[in-house]
Amino acid sequence: QVQLVESGGGLVQAGGSLRLSCSASGIIIRLGAMGWYRQAPGKERDLVATITTNGDTNYADSVKGRFTISRDNAQNTVYLQMNNLKPEDKAVYYCKADSRVFARNYWGQGTQVTVSS
């Protein structure tokens, strides 16, 4: 199976930056798209950004120009560089990885991002 371990969450001032990391372990061959999603209290889990094995990216409109998603050469780690953070970015951020071996998605445990005004 695939295990995802996230790091980098925390508290940051509005306008500041934060970098999230998500490392995949286990059966990590043939990982497909990876991405970040977030969920605020009382709201649905929403797409933040995804990146394919080819490097194609997709961003939510609310984070375009501020967030950048990337992945390492082994395609087993995904990053989310978050700049110019806003209070509305406060949420639990979840990492997702698609496994072509198991034909299913795997999720991380989530990491809290808090932005103070």
N, C-alpha and C. Protein backbone atom coordinates (compact mmCIF):
# COMPACT_ATOMS: atom_id res chain seq x y z
N GLN A 1 0.84 -1.19 0.00
CA GLN A 1 0.00 0.00 0.00
C GLN A 1 0.88 1.24 0.00
N VAL A 2 0.23 2.39 -0.01
CA VAL A 2 0.92 3.67 -0.04
C VAL A 2 0.62 4.42 1.24
N GLN A 3 1.66 4.93 1.86
CA GLN A 3 1.52 5.77 3.04
C GLN A 3 2.01 7.17 2.71
N LEU A 4 1.29 8.17 3.17
CA LEU A 4 1.63 9.56 2.93
C LEU A 4 1.89 10.24 4.26
N VAL A 5 3.03 10.90 4.37
CA VAL A 5 3.41 11.61 5.58
C VAL A 5 3.59 13.08 5.23
N GLU A 6 2.84 13.93 5.90
CA GLU A 6 2.84 15.36 5.63
C GLU A 6 3.63 16.11 6.69
N SER A 7 4.17 17.24 6.30
CA SER A 7 4.87 18.11 7.21
C SER A 7 4.81 19.53 6.69
N GLY A 8 5.11 20.48 7.55
CA GLY A 8 5.20 21.87 7.14
C GLY A 8 4.06 22.76 7.57
N GLY A 9 3.00 22.18 8.10
CA GLY A 9 1.90 23.00 8.56
C GLY A 9 2.26 23.76 9.81
N GLY A 10 1.46 24.77 10.12
CA GLY A 10 1.71 25.56 11.30
C GLY A 10 0.99 26.88 11.25
N LEU A 11 1.47 27.80 12.06
CA LEU A 11 0.89 29.13 12.19
C LEU A 11 1.76 30.14 11.47
N VAL A 12 1.13 31.00 10.70
CA VAL A 12 1.84 32.02 9.95
C VAL A 12 1.02 33.30 9.92
N GLN A 13 1.69 34.42 9.86
CA GLN A 13 1.02 35.70 9.74
C GLN A 13 0.50 35.91 8.33
N ALA A 14 -0.58 36.66 8.21
CA ALA A 14 -1.08 37.01 6.89
C ALA A 14 0.01 37.68 6.07
N GLY A 15 0.11 37.28 4.82
CA GLY A 15 1.16 37.77 3.95
C GLY A 15 2.42 36.95 3.99
N GLY A 16 2.51 36.03 4.92
CA GLY A 16 3.67 35.19 5.05
C GLY A 16 3.62 33.98 4.14
N SER A 17 4.60 33.11 4.31
CA SER A 17 4.74 31.95 3.45
C SER A 17 4.88 30.68 4.28
N LEU A 18 4.51 29.58 3.66
CA LEU A 18 4.62 28.29 4.29
C LEU A 18 4.82 27.26 3.19
N ARG A 19 5.58 26.22 3.49
CA ARG A 19 5.86 25.18 2.51
C ARG A 19 5.45 23.83 3.08
N LEU A 20 4.51 23.19 2.44
CA LEU A 20 4.05 21.87 2.84
C LEU A 20 4.78 20.80 2.05
N SER A 21 5.06 19.69 2.70
CA SER A 21 5.68 18.55 2.05
C SER A 21 4.86 17.30 2.34
N CYS A 22 4.83 16.41 1.37
CA CYS A 22 4.14 15.14 1.52
C CYS A 22 4.99 14.07 0.87
N SER A 23 5.46 13.12 1.67
CA SER A 23 6.31 12.05 1.18
C SER A 23 5.54 10.74 1.16
N ALA A 24 5.61 10.05 0.05
CA ALA A 24 4.96 8.76 -0.11
C ALA A 24 5.95 7.64 0.16
N SER A 25 5.48 6.60 0.81
CA SER A 25 6.30 5.43 1.07
C SER A 25 5.45 4.18 0.86
N GLY A 26 6.10 3.03 0.91
CA GLY A 26 5.42 1.79 0.62
C GLY A 26 5.59 1.43 -0.84
N ILE A 27 4.49 1.07 -1.47
CA ILE A 27 4.51 0.75 -2.90
C ILE A 27 4.35 2.05 -3.66
N ILE A 28 5.47 2.67 -3.99
CA ILE A 28 5.45 4.00 -4.58
C ILE A 28 5.75 3.99 -6.07
N ILE A 29 5.90 2.81 -6.66
CA ILE A 29 6.08 2.75 -8.10
C ILE A 29 4.77 3.10 -8.79
N ARG A 30 4.91 3.73 -9.94
CA ARG A 30 3.77 4.06 -10.79
C ARG A 30 2.74 4.93 -10.08
N LEU A 31 3.22 5.86 -9.27
CA LEU A 31 2.32 6.87 -8.72
C LEU A 31 1.90 7.81 -9.83
N GLY A 32 0.64 8.13 -9.84
CA GLY A 32 0.12 9.05 -10.84
C GLY A 32 0.09 10.47 -10.31
N ALA A 33 -1.04 11.11 -10.50
CA ALA A 33 -1.17 12.49 -10.04
C ALA A 33 -1.10 12.57 -8.52
N MET A 34 -0.55 13.66 -8.03
CA MET A 34 -0.54 13.96 -6.62
C MET A 34 -1.11 15.36 -6.44
N GLY A 35 -1.59 15.62 -5.25
CA GLY A 35 -2.20 16.92 -5.06
C GLY A 35 -2.44 17.27 -3.61
N TRP A 36 -2.93 18.48 -3.44
CA TRP A 36 -3.27 19.00 -2.14
C TRP A 36 -4.72 19.45 -2.13
N TYR A 37 -5.41 19.13 -1.07
CA TYR A 37 -6.78 19.55 -0.84
C TYR A 37 -6.86 20.16 0.55
N ARG A 38 -7.88 20.96 0.78
CA ARG A 38 -8.03 21.57 2.09
C ARG A 38 -9.48 21.57 2.51
N GLN A 39 -9.68 21.58 3.81
CA GLN A 39 -11.02 21.57 4.38
C GLN A 39 -11.06 22.46 5.61
N ALA A 40 -11.90 23.46 5.56
CA ALA A 40 -12.14 24.33 6.70
C ALA A 40 -13.32 23.80 7.49
N PRO A 41 -13.43 24.14 8.77
CA PRO A 41 -14.55 23.66 9.57
C PRO A 41 -15.90 24.00 8.95
N GLY A 42 -16.77 23.01 8.86
CA GLY A 42 -18.09 23.21 8.31
C GLY A 42 -18.15 23.30 6.80
N LYS A 43 -17.03 23.09 6.12
CA LYS A 43 -16.99 23.18 4.67
C LYS A 43 -16.53 21.87 4.06
N GLU A 44 -16.74 21.76 2.76
CA GLU A 44 -16.33 20.57 2.04
C GLU A 44 -14.82 20.60 1.79
N ARG A 45 -14.29 19.42 1.51
CA ARG A 45 -12.89 19.34 1.14
C ARG A 45 -12.74 19.79 -0.31
N ASP A 46 -11.91 20.79 -0.53
CA ASP A 46 -11.77 21.41 -1.84
C ASP A 46 -10.39 21.19 -2.41
N LEU A 47 -10.35 21.15 -3.73
CA LEU A 47 -9.08 21.07 -4.44
C LEU A 47 -8.27 22.34 -4.23
N VAL A 48 -7.00 22.18 -3.94
CA VAL A 48 -6.06 23.28 -3.91
C VAL A 48 -5.19 23.27 -5.16
N ALA A 49 -4.52 22.16 -5.39
CA ALA A 49 -3.64 22.04 -6.55
C ALA A 49 -3.33 20.58 -6.79
N THR A 50 -3.16 20.22 -8.05
CA THR A 50 -2.73 18.88 -8.42
C THR A 50 -1.61 18.98 -9.44
N ILE A 51 -0.84 17.92 -9.52
CA ILE A 51 0.24 17.85 -10.49
C ILE A 51 0.33 16.43 -11.02
N THR A 52 0.41 16.29 -12.33
CA THR A 52 0.50 14.99 -12.96
C THR A 52 1.95 14.54 -13.05
N THR A 53 2.13 13.30 -13.51
CA THR A 53 3.48 12.79 -13.70
C THR A 53 4.23 13.56 -14.78
N ASN A 54 3.51 14.18 -15.68
CA ASN A 54 4.12 14.98 -16.74
C ASN A 54 4.41 16.41 -16.30
N GLY A 55 3.99 16.77 -15.10
CA GLY A 55 4.23 18.11 -14.61
C GLY A 55 3.11 19.09 -14.88
N ASP A 56 2.02 18.64 -15.45
CA ASP A 56 0.87 19.51 -15.66
C ASP A 56 0.22 19.82 -14.32
N THR A 57 -0.11 21.07 -14.11
CA THR A 57 -0.66 21.51 -12.83
C THR A 57 -2.05 22.06 -13.00
N ASN A 58 -2.79 22.00 -11.91
CA ASN A 58 -4.14 22.54 -11.85
C ASN A 58 -4.31 23.19 -10.49
N TYR A 59 -4.79 24.44 -10.48
CA TYR A 59 -4.94 25.19 -9.26
C TYR A 59 -6.36 25.68 -9.08
N ALA A 60 -6.78 25.74 -7.83
CA ALA A 60 -8.01 26.44 -7.53
C ALA A 60 -7.83 27.92 -7.83
N ASP A 61 -8.90 28.56 -8.28
CA ASP A 61 -8.81 29.98 -8.62
C ASP A 61 -8.35 30.82 -7.44
N SER A 62 -8.72 30.43 -6.25
CA SER A 62 -8.42 31.22 -5.07
C SER A 62 -6.94 31.24 -4.71
N VAL A 63 -6.16 30.31 -5.26
CA VAL A 63 -4.74 30.23 -4.91
C VAL A 63 -3.83 30.49 -6.09
N LYS A 64 -4.37 30.69 -7.27
CA LYS A 64 -3.55 30.94 -8.45
C LYS A 64 -2.70 32.18 -8.25
N GLY A 65 -1.44 32.05 -8.59
CA GLY A 65 -0.51 33.15 -8.44
C GLY A 65 0.12 33.24 -7.07
N ARG A 66 -0.40 32.51 -6.11
CA ARG A 66 0.14 32.52 -4.75
C ARG A 66 0.75 31.19 -4.35
N PHE A 67 0.14 30.09 -4.79
CA PHE A 67 0.61 28.75 -4.43
C PHE A 67 1.29 28.10 -5.63
N THR A 68 2.27 27.26 -5.35
CA THR A 68 2.95 26.51 -6.38
C THR A 68 3.11 25.07 -5.93
N ILE A 69 2.64 24.15 -6.76
CA ILE A 69 2.79 22.73 -6.46
C ILE A 69 3.94 22.17 -7.29
N SER A 70 4.69 21.25 -6.71
CA SER A 70 5.79 20.61 -7.40
C SER A 70 5.99 19.21 -6.84
N ARG A 71 6.77 18.41 -7.55
CA ARG A 71 7.08 17.07 -7.09
C ARG A 71 8.52 16.75 -7.44
N ASP A 72 9.13 15.82 -6.69
CA ASP A 72 10.53 15.51 -6.91
C ASP A 72 10.70 14.56 -8.09
N ASN A 73 11.96 14.29 -8.43
CA ASN A 73 12.25 13.48 -9.61
C ASN A 73 11.73 12.06 -9.49
N ALA A 74 11.69 11.54 -8.29
CA ALA A 74 11.19 10.19 -8.07
C ALA A 74 9.66 10.15 -8.04
N GLN A 75 9.05 11.31 -8.05
CA GLN A 75 7.59 11.43 -8.02
C GLN A 75 6.98 10.78 -6.80
N ASN A 76 7.72 10.80 -5.70
CA ASN A 76 7.19 10.26 -4.46
C ASN A 76 7.04 11.31 -3.37
N THR A 77 7.33 12.55 -3.70
CA THR A 77 7.15 13.66 -2.78
C THR A 77 6.51 14.82 -3.51
N VAL A 78 5.52 15.41 -2.90
CA VAL A 78 4.85 16.56 -3.47
C VAL A 78 4.96 17.72 -2.49
N TYR A 79 5.16 18.91 -3.02
CA TYR A 79 5.31 20.10 -2.22
C TYR A 79 4.24 21.12 -2.58
N LEU A 80 3.93 21.95 -1.64
CA LEU A 80 3.05 23.08 -1.88
C LEU A 80 3.67 24.31 -1.25
N GLN A 81 4.20 25.18 -2.09
CA GLN A 81 4.74 26.45 -1.64
C GLN A 81 3.61 27.46 -1.60
N MET A 82 3.33 27.98 -0.43
CA MET A 82 2.23 28.90 -0.23
C MET A 82 2.78 30.27 0.13
N ASN A 83 2.56 31.24 -0.74
CA ASN A 83 3.01 32.60 -0.52
C ASN A 83 1.81 33.53 -0.36
N ASN A 84 2.06 34.67 0.25
CA ASN A 84 1.02 35.67 0.47
C ASN A 84 -0.23 35.03 1.08
N LEU A 85 -0.04 34.31 2.15
CA LEU A 85 -1.15 33.62 2.79
C LEU A 85 -2.17 34.60 3.34
N LYS A 86 -3.43 34.20 3.24
CA LYS A 86 -4.54 34.99 3.70
C LYS A 86 -5.30 34.25 4.79
N PRO A 87 -6.03 34.96 5.64
CA PRO A 87 -6.80 34.27 6.68
C PRO A 87 -7.75 33.21 6.12
N GLU A 88 -8.29 33.44 4.94
CA GLU A 88 -9.20 32.46 4.35
C GLU A 88 -8.51 31.18 3.90
N ASP A 89 -7.17 31.16 3.92
CA ASP A 89 -6.43 29.95 3.62
C ASP A 89 -6.37 28.99 4.81
N LYS A 90 -6.84 29.43 5.96
CA LYS A 90 -6.81 28.58 7.14
C LYS A 90 -7.67 27.35 6.92
N ALA A 91 -7.08 26.17 7.08
CA ALA A 91 -7.77 24.91 6.86
C ALA A 91 -6.84 23.77 7.21
N VAL A 92 -7.39 22.58 7.22
CA VAL A 92 -6.59 21.38 7.27
C VAL A 92 -6.26 20.99 5.84
N TYR A 93 -4.99 20.85 5.55
CA TYR A 93 -4.53 20.52 4.21
C TYR A 93 -4.20 19.04 4.12
N TYR A 94 -4.74 18.39 3.11
CA TYR A 94 -4.57 16.96 2.92
C TYR A 94 -3.80 16.68 1.64
N CYS A 95 -2.89 15.75 1.73
CA CYS A 95 -2.14 15.28 0.58
C CYS A 95 -2.84 14.08 -0.04
N LYS A 96 -2.84 14.01 -1.36
CA LYS A 96 -3.43 12.88 -2.06
C LYS A 96 -2.47 12.37 -3.12
N ALA A 97 -2.42 11.05 -3.26
CA ALA A 97 -1.62 10.42 -4.29
C ALA A 97 -2.43 9.33 -4.97
N ASP A 98 -2.35 9.28 -6.28
CA ASP A 98 -3.02 8.25 -7.07
C ASP A 98 -2.03 7.13 -7.35
N SER A 99 -2.44 5.91 -7.05
CA SER A 99 -1.61 4.74 -7.31
C SER A 99 -2.13 4.02 -8.54
N ARG A 100 -1.28 3.90 -9.54
CA ARG A 100 -1.65 3.13 -10.73
C ARG A 100 -1.52 1.63 -10.48
N VAL A 101 -0.78 1.23 -9.44
CA VAL A 101 -0.66 -0.18 -9.09
C VAL A 101 -1.96 -0.68 -8.48
N PHE A 102 -2.49 0.08 -7.53
CA PHE A 102 -3.69 -0.33 -6.83
C PHE A 102 -4.96 0.31 -7.39
N ALA A 103 -4.81 1.20 -8.34
CA ALA A 103 -5.94 1.85 -8.98
C ALA A 103 -6.85 2.52 -7.96
N ARG A 104 -6.26 3.28 -7.09
CA ARG A 104 -7.01 4.00 -6.08
C ARG A 104 -6.20 5.18 -5.57
N ASN A 105 -6.87 6.04 -4.85
CA ASN A 105 -6.23 7.20 -4.24
C ASN A 105 -5.87 6.91 -2.79
N TYR A 106 -4.78 7.52 -2.34
CA TYR A 106 -4.38 7.47 -0.95
C TYR A 106 -4.31 8.88 -0.40
N TRP A 107 -4.67 9.02 0.85
CA TRP A 107 -4.74 10.31 1.51
C TRP A 107 -3.82 10.36 2.71
N GLY A 108 -3.26 11.54 2.94
CA GLY A 108 -2.52 11.78 4.16
C GLY A 108 -3.45 12.08 5.32
N GLN A 109 -2.88 12.27 6.49
CA GLN A 109 -3.68 12.48 7.69
C GLN A 109 -4.15 13.91 7.84
N GLY A 110 -3.59 14.82 7.08
CA GLY A 110 -3.93 16.22 7.15
C GLY A 110 -3.01 16.99 8.07
N THR A 111 -2.73 18.21 7.69
CA THR A 111 -1.90 19.09 8.51
C THR A 111 -2.56 20.46 8.60
N GLN A 112 -2.58 21.01 9.80
CA GLN A 112 -3.29 22.26 10.05
C GLN A 112 -2.46 23.45 9.60
N VAL A 113 -3.09 24.33 8.86
CA VAL A 113 -2.49 25.61 8.47
C VAL A 113 -3.36 26.72 9.04
N THR A 114 -2.76 27.56 9.86
CA THR A 114 -3.47 28.66 10.48
C THR A 114 -2.81 29.97 10.08
N VAL A 115 -3.62 30.90 9.60
CA VAL A 115 -3.13 32.20 9.16
C VAL A 115 -3.77 33.26 10.04
N SER A 116 -2.95 34.02 10.73
CA SER A 116 -3.44 35.07 11.61
C SER A 116 -3.38 36.41 10.90
N SER A 117 -4.32 37.29 11.23
CA SER A 117 -4.38 38.60 10.62
C SER A 117 -3.47 39.58 11.33
